[in-house]
Amino acid sequence: MSKLGFKQKNMKKSKSLEISILLSSLLVVGALVYSANAKKDIRDKTETIAKSNKAEKVIEENYSQKVISEDGVVLPAMWGDLGAKMTSVGVIDKSKFEEIYAGRGGLREEERKLLEGLDNGYLKITPENSGFVLNLLWALGLGNKNEILDNRPMTDKKYGGAGRFASTGGWTLADGDPMDHYSKHRFIFLTPEQQALVEKVAKGIYRPCCGNSVYFPDCNHGMAMLGLLELMASQGVSEDEMYKAALAVNSYWFPDTYITIAKYLKSQGKDWSNADPKEILGYNYSSGPGYQKLLEKIENPEIKGGGSCGV
């Protein structure tokens, strides 16, 4: 081979080597760039998910605040000495009542005042005392003399007697048999007009734990709401205000249900703050069957447990 041919051959090898090195370098740089971009994409996606989760949490908290304010709601119902009256006649056995709350951290000062005090002001329901208020109103609805308990669905013979329901047999905090106090005490006096108003509103208020209205108070929530309606009517509260208060109370007793309803309304272009309490408390939204049908319209609904029907 001539010197020229050998030189040309070496030059070709050198160029091939240079190209190989260049290509390898480009591959390495490309891999590094790809890796950096991939890491950036992962970081960006992680940050986006975190922001999205944070936004969802804020939205959830906003719904909660709209439906069940942490500050509570003052109801248009003066409590006065009703707690003391109910313990004096045995609708509430004070020792049993205190015993059950001893296992829950004991009665708070304001709760004890509602149970024992003689000059309480307006009832206030909060996330912390909603169960306590439920039990107080349950006792009131059960013990107060009223036509709804005496001559309405509760006493229909086809149900086997009024004592067979959760709202009666389930009240274990009375002195003696709860039926000994069923519609037996005149805690609240209603005029014929006020009684008619109670019955009218009671027929329009449902609760998510069952399919009956307050007119048929067969569970604790229905009986408690009856007590509240009687109390408000006796103090001259209007029909609209009764519905408004009832929705606030139901929302504290069934928070997940009404937060879900608020979200559904939003998806329909309606805001919870402008919702009609009478409509929301009606069968289509607030009854057990009505609420289940509503859930069928919601994509991936978050289903949680409702309020307990026990003390």
Protein backbone atom coordinates (compact mmCIF):
# COMPACT_ATOMS: atom_id res chain seq x y z
CA MET A 1 0.00 0.00 0.00
CA SER A 2 1.33 3.46 -0.83
CA LYS A 3 1.92 6.06 1.81
CA LEU A 4 -0.93 8.12 0.35
CA GLY A 5 -3.37 5.22 0.58
CA PHE A 6 -2.34 4.45 4.13
CA LYS A 7 -2.77 8.10 5.08
CA GLN A 8 -6.22 8.27 3.51
CA LYS A 9 -7.25 5.11 5.33
CA ASN A 10 -6.10 6.55 8.66
CA MET A 11 -7.95 9.77 7.94
CA LYS A 12 -11.14 7.77 7.31
CA LYS A 13 -10.70 5.89 10.60
CA SER A 14 -10.08 9.16 12.42
CA LYS A 15 -13.20 10.72 10.96
CA SER A 16 -15.26 7.64 11.83
CA LEU A 17 -13.95 7.83 15.37
CA GLU A 18 -14.76 11.51 15.57
CA ILE A 19 -18.29 10.88 14.31
CA SER A 20 -18.74 8.05 16.79
CA ILE A 21 -17.57 10.25 19.63
CA LEU A 22 -19.82 13.07 18.45
CA LEU A 23 -22.84 10.77 18.21
CA SER A 24 -22.11 9.29 21.64
CA SER A 25 -21.82 12.78 23.06
CA LEU A 26 -25.09 13.78 21.49
CA LEU A 27 -26.76 10.68 22.89
CA VAL A 28 -25.39 11.38 26.37
CA VAL A 29 -26.44 15.04 26.21
CA GLY A 30 -29.85 14.02 24.87
CA ALA A 31 -30.28 11.50 27.66
CA LEU A 32 -29.31 14.10 30.24
CA VAL A 33 -31.70 16.65 28.74
CA TYR A 34 -34.49 14.05 28.57
CA SER A 35 -33.82 13.02 32.17
CA ALA A 36 -33.88 16.63 33.35
CA ASN A 37 -37.09 17.32 31.43
CA ALA A 38 -38.67 14.12 32.74
CA LYS A 39 -37.80 15.07 36.31
CA LYS A 40 -39.20 18.55 35.68
CA ASP A 41 -42.41 17.06 34.24
CA ILE A 42 -42.79 14.78 37.27
CA ARG A 43 -42.13 17.70 39.60
CA ASP A 44 -44.60 19.89 37.72
CA LYS A 45 -47.26 17.14 37.75
CA THR A 46 -46.67 16.52 41.46
CA GLU A 47 -47.03 20.23 42.19
CA THR A 48 -50.18 20.38 40.03
CA ILE A 49 -51.72 17.42 41.88
CA ALA A 50 -50.78 18.97 45.23
CA LYS A 51 -52.33 22.28 44.21
CA SER A 52 -55.42 20.47 42.92
CA ASN A 53 -55.77 18.53 46.18
CA LYS A 54 -55.31 21.71 48.14
CA ALA A 55 -57.93 23.46 46.02
CA GLU A 56 -60.35 20.56 46.50
CA LYS A 57 -59.77 20.71 50.25
CA VAL A 58 -60.49 24.45 50.26
CA ILE A 59 -63.66 23.85 48.22
CA GLU A 60 -64.72 21.10 50.65
CA GLU A 61 -64.10 23.41 53.61
CA ASN A 62 -66.06 26.18 51.88
CA TYR A 63 -69.02 23.85 51.40
CA SER A 64 -68.81 22.78 55.03
CA GLN A 65 -68.80 26.37 56.20
CA LYS A 66 -71.77 27.24 54.00
CA VAL A 67 -73.85 24.30 55.21
CA ILE A 68 -72.71 23.86 58.82
CA SER A 69 -71.00 26.92 60.20
CA GLU A 70 -68.42 26.23 62.89
CA ASP A 71 -69.81 29.23 64.76
CA GLY A 72 -73.20 27.56 65.05
CA VAL A 73 -76.72 28.83 64.43
CA VAL A 74 -78.99 30.56 66.93
CA LEU A 75 -82.49 29.13 66.56
CA PRO A 76 -85.65 31.23 66.99
CA ALA A 77 -86.70 29.22 70.04
CA MET A 78 -86.34 30.28 73.67
CA TRP A 79 -85.46 27.25 75.82
CA GLY A 80 -86.24 28.73 79.23
CA ASP A 81 -86.65 26.02 81.90
CA LEU A 82 -87.73 23.14 79.66
CA GLY A 83 -84.74 20.99 80.62
CA ALA A 84 -85.53 21.36 84.30
CA LYS A 85 -89.21 20.61 83.68
CA MET A 86 -88.43 17.44 81.75
CA THR A 87 -86.10 16.13 84.45
CA SER A 88 -88.63 16.98 87.17
CA VAL A 89 -91.29 14.70 85.64
CA GLY A 90 -88.92 11.98 84.46
CA VAL A 91 -89.01 12.34 80.69
CA ILE A 92 -85.29 12.75 81.23
CA ASP A 93 -83.73 10.72 84.02
CA LYS A 94 -80.94 13.06 85.03
CA SER A 95 -78.66 10.33 86.39
CA LYS A 96 -78.99 8.27 83.17
CA PHE A 97 -78.45 11.37 81.08
CA GLU A 98 -75.30 12.34 82.96
CA GLU A 99 -74.04 8.77 82.89
CA ILE A 100 -74.18 8.47 79.13
CA TYR A 101 -72.40 11.81 78.70
CA ALA A 102 -69.77 10.90 81.28
CA GLY A 103 -68.48 8.41 78.71
CA ARG A 104 -68.28 11.24 76.16
CA GLY A 105 -66.21 13.61 78.24
CA GLY A 106 -69.01 14.92 80.45
CA LEU A 107 -71.53 17.71 80.00
CA ARG A 108 -70.18 21.12 79.05
CA GLU A 109 -71.18 24.09 81.17
CA GLU A 110 -73.63 25.43 78.57
CA GLU A 111 -75.16 21.96 78.14
CA ARG A 112 -75.67 21.53 81.87
CA LYS A 113 -77.38 24.91 81.94
CA LEU A 114 -79.82 23.77 79.24
CA LEU A 115 -80.54 20.67 81.29
CA GLU A 116 -80.87 22.34 84.70
CA GLY A 117 -81.23 26.09 84.20
CA LEU A 118 -84.42 28.11 84.62
CA ASP A 119 -83.74 31.13 82.42
CA ASN A 120 -82.06 29.91 79.24
CA GLY A 121 -82.21 32.10 76.15
CA TYR A 122 -82.40 31.08 72.52
CA LEU A 123 -81.20 27.60 71.61
CA LYS A 124 -77.94 27.51 69.68
CA ILE A 125 -76.83 24.48 67.70
CA THR A 126 -73.15 23.91 66.88
CA PRO A 127 -71.05 21.04 65.48
CA GLU A 128 -70.06 20.23 69.07
CA ASN A 129 -73.50 20.21 70.72
CA SER A 130 -75.70 18.98 67.85
CA GLY A 131 -76.07 15.52 69.40
CA PHE A 132 -76.92 16.98 72.79
CA VAL A 133 -79.53 19.31 71.28
CA LEU A 134 -80.93 16.32 69.39
CA ASN A 135 -81.45 14.40 72.64
CA LEU A 136 -83.03 17.37 74.43
CA LEU A 137 -85.48 17.98 71.60
CA TRP A 138 -86.16 14.26 71.30
CA ALA A 139 -87.27 14.18 74.93
CA LEU A 140 -89.41 17.28 74.37
CA GLY A 141 -91.11 15.88 71.26
CA LEU A 142 -91.76 12.55 72.98
CA GLY A 143 -93.14 13.93 76.23
CA ASN A 144 -95.12 16.96 75.11
CA LYS A 145 -98.86 16.46 74.64
CA ASN A 146 -99.75 16.75 70.96
CA GLU A 147 -102.35 15.57 68.47
CA ILE A 148 -99.63 14.34 66.12
CA LEU A 149 -98.70 11.74 68.72
CA ASP A 150 -102.24 10.94 69.84
CA ASN A 151 -104.30 10.68 66.67
CA ARG A 152 -102.03 10.55 63.66
CA PRO A 153 -99.88 7.82 61.95
CA MET A 154 -97.94 7.04 65.14
CA THR A 155 -101.05 5.43 66.67
CA ASP A 156 -102.24 3.65 63.52
CA LYS A 157 -103.06 0.06 64.54
CA LYS A 158 -101.35 -1.37 61.47
CA TYR A 159 -98.00 -0.46 63.03
CA GLY A 160 -98.72 -2.35 66.21
CA GLY A 161 -98.71 0.55 68.64
CA ALA A 162 -96.69 3.72 69.16
CA GLY A 163 -94.24 2.01 71.50
CA ARG A 164 -92.71 -0.06 68.71
CA PHE A 165 -90.81 2.77 67.03
CA ALA A 166 -87.20 3.91 67.40
CA SER A 167 -88.42 7.31 68.60
CA THR A 168 -90.30 5.76 71.53
CA GLY A 169 -88.73 2.43 72.47
CA GLY A 170 -85.30 3.85 71.65
CA TRP A 171 -85.54 6.60 74.25
CA THR A 172 -83.66 4.85 77.07
CA LEU A 173 -82.99 7.97 79.14
CA ALA A 174 -86.44 8.26 80.74
CA ASP A 175 -87.36 7.44 84.31
CA GLY A 176 -89.23 4.17 83.76
CA ASP A 177 -90.87 3.11 80.50
CA PRO A 178 -90.66 5.84 77.82
CA MET A 179 -94.31 5.20 76.92
CA ASP A 180 -95.25 6.33 80.43
CA HIS A 181 -94.26 9.80 79.20
CA TYR A 182 -95.46 9.59 75.60
CA SER A 183 -97.61 12.67 74.91
CA LYS A 184 -98.32 12.99 78.64
CA HIS A 185 -96.96 16.39 79.69
CA ARG A 186 -98.06 19.94 78.89
CA PHE A 187 -94.65 21.52 78.43
CA ILE A 188 -95.89 23.62 75.51
CA PHE A 189 -99.39 25.04 74.92
CA LEU A 190 -100.51 25.65 71.34
CA THR A 191 -103.49 27.53 70.03
CA PRO A 192 -105.55 25.77 67.30
CA GLU A 193 -103.84 28.01 64.73
CA GLN A 194 -100.39 27.14 66.06
CA GLN A 195 -101.23 23.42 66.09
CA ALA A 196 -102.39 23.66 62.48
CA LEU A 197 -99.11 25.36 61.56
CA VAL A 198 -97.09 22.64 63.28
CA GLU A 199 -98.96 19.94 61.38
CA LYS A 200 -98.60 21.77 58.06
CA VAL A 201 -94.86 22.26 58.42
CA ALA A 202 -94.34 18.78 59.89
CA LYS A 203 -95.79 17.26 56.71
CA GLY A 204 -93.20 19.11 54.62
CA ILE A 205 -90.05 18.18 56.55
CA TYR A 206 -88.24 14.89 55.91
CA ARG A 207 -85.00 13.41 57.23
CA PRO A 208 -82.45 11.31 55.28
CA CYS A 209 -82.53 8.35 57.69
CA CYS A 210 -85.99 7.23 56.51
CA GLY A 211 -88.87 8.00 54.17
CA ASN A 212 -91.29 9.61 56.62
CA SER A 213 -92.01 13.24 57.38
CA VAL A 214 -92.05 14.80 60.85
CA TYR A 215 -95.81 14.22 60.77
CA PHE A 216 -94.88 10.57 61.35
CA PRO A 217 -92.01 10.94 63.87
CA ASP A 218 -90.97 7.29 64.10
CA CYS A 219 -87.26 7.98 64.70
CA ASN A 220 -85.35 10.27 67.04
CA HIS A 221 -84.69 12.94 64.40
CA GLY A 222 -88.38 13.17 63.52
CA MET A 223 -89.45 13.31 67.18
CA ALA A 224 -86.82 15.94 67.97
CA MET A 225 -87.88 18.06 65.01
CA LEU A 226 -91.49 17.82 66.18
CA GLY A 227 -90.42 19.18 69.56
CA LEU A 228 -88.61 22.07 67.87
CA LEU A 229 -91.58 22.89 65.64
CA GLU A 230 -93.93 22.95 68.64
CA LEU A 231 -91.57 25.22 70.54
CA MET A 232 -91.16 27.66 67.63
CA ALA A 233 -94.88 27.75 66.85
CA SER A 234 -95.73 28.49 70.48
CA GLN A 235 -93.42 31.51 70.32
CA GLY A 236 -94.94 32.99 67.19
CA VAL A 237 -92.26 32.00 64.68
CA SER A 238 -93.44 32.27 61.06
CA GLU A 239 -93.71 29.33 58.68
CA ASP A 240 -90.75 30.53 56.60
CA GLU A 241 -88.56 30.95 59.68
CA MET A 242 -89.55 27.50 60.90
CA TYR A 243 -88.40 25.93 57.63
CA LYS A 244 -85.17 27.93 57.71
CA ALA A 245 -84.38 26.82 61.27
CA ALA A 246 -85.35 23.22 60.49
CA LEU A 247 -82.93 23.11 57.53
CA ALA A 248 -80.11 24.44 59.71
CA VAL A 249 -80.81 21.79 62.35
CA ASN A 250 -81.13 18.93 59.84
CA SER A 251 -77.81 20.01 58.33
CA TYR A 252 -76.03 19.66 61.67
CA TRP A 253 -77.65 16.25 62.24
CA PHE A 254 -76.84 15.01 58.71
CA PRO A 255 -73.84 17.12 57.59
CA ASP A 256 -72.54 14.83 54.82
CA THR A 257 -75.99 14.59 53.26
CA TYR A 258 -76.55 18.32 53.03
CA ILE A 259 -72.99 19.08 51.90
CA THR A 260 -73.61 16.64 49.04
CA ILE A 261 -76.91 18.37 48.26
CA ALA A 262 -75.11 21.74 48.23
CA LYS A 263 -72.57 20.38 45.73
CA TYR A 264 -75.36 19.00 43.56
CA LEU A 265 -77.12 22.36 43.58
CA LYS A 266 -73.87 24.04 42.53
CA SER A 267 -73.57 21.64 39.58
CA GLN A 268 -77.05 22.80 38.56
CA GLY A 269 -76.03 26.46 38.72
CA LYS A 270 -77.66 27.08 42.11
CA ASP A 271 -76.02 28.26 45.31
CA TRP A 272 -76.79 26.80 48.74
CA SER A 273 -77.26 30.27 50.22
CA ASN A 274 -80.14 30.90 47.80
CA ALA A 275 -81.77 27.48 48.16
CA ASP A 276 -85.39 27.31 49.31
CA PRO A 277 -85.43 25.57 52.73
CA LYS A 278 -88.93 24.22 52.11
CA GLU A 279 -87.83 22.62 48.84
CA ILE A 280 -84.62 21.16 50.29
CA LEU A 281 -86.46 19.70 53.29
CA GLY A 282 -89.04 18.08 51.00
CA TYR A 283 -89.23 14.45 49.91
CA ASN A 284 -87.08 14.80 46.77
CA TYR A 285 -84.00 15.99 48.66
CA SER A 286 -84.30 15.11 52.34
CA SER A 287 -86.13 11.79 52.52
CA GLY A 288 -84.07 8.61 52.44
CA PRO A 289 -85.50 7.44 49.08
CA GLY A 290 -85.38 10.93 47.58
CA TYR A 291 -81.75 11.41 48.55
CA GLN A 292 -80.79 8.02 47.09
CA LYS A 293 -82.33 9.07 43.74
CA LEU A 294 -80.36 12.30 43.94
CA LEU A 295 -77.12 10.34 44.39
CA GLU A 296 -77.84 8.51 41.12
CA LYS A 297 -77.55 11.87 39.33
CA ILE A 298 -74.12 12.57 40.83
CA GLU A 299 -70.97 11.14 39.23
CA ASN A 300 -68.86 9.22 41.78
CA PRO A 301 -70.77 10.40 44.86
CA GLU A 302 -68.99 10.16 48.20
CA ILE A 303 -71.35 8.10 50.33
CA LYS A 304 -70.93 8.33 54.10
CA GLY A 305 -73.00 7.27 57.07
CA GLY A 306 -75.86 9.43 58.29
CA GLY A 307 -76.93 10.47 61.76
CA SER A 308 -77.54 7.75 64.32
CA CYS A 309 -81.12 7.05 65.42
CA GLY A 310 -80.02 6.21 68.97
CA VAL A 311 -79.26 8.33 72.02
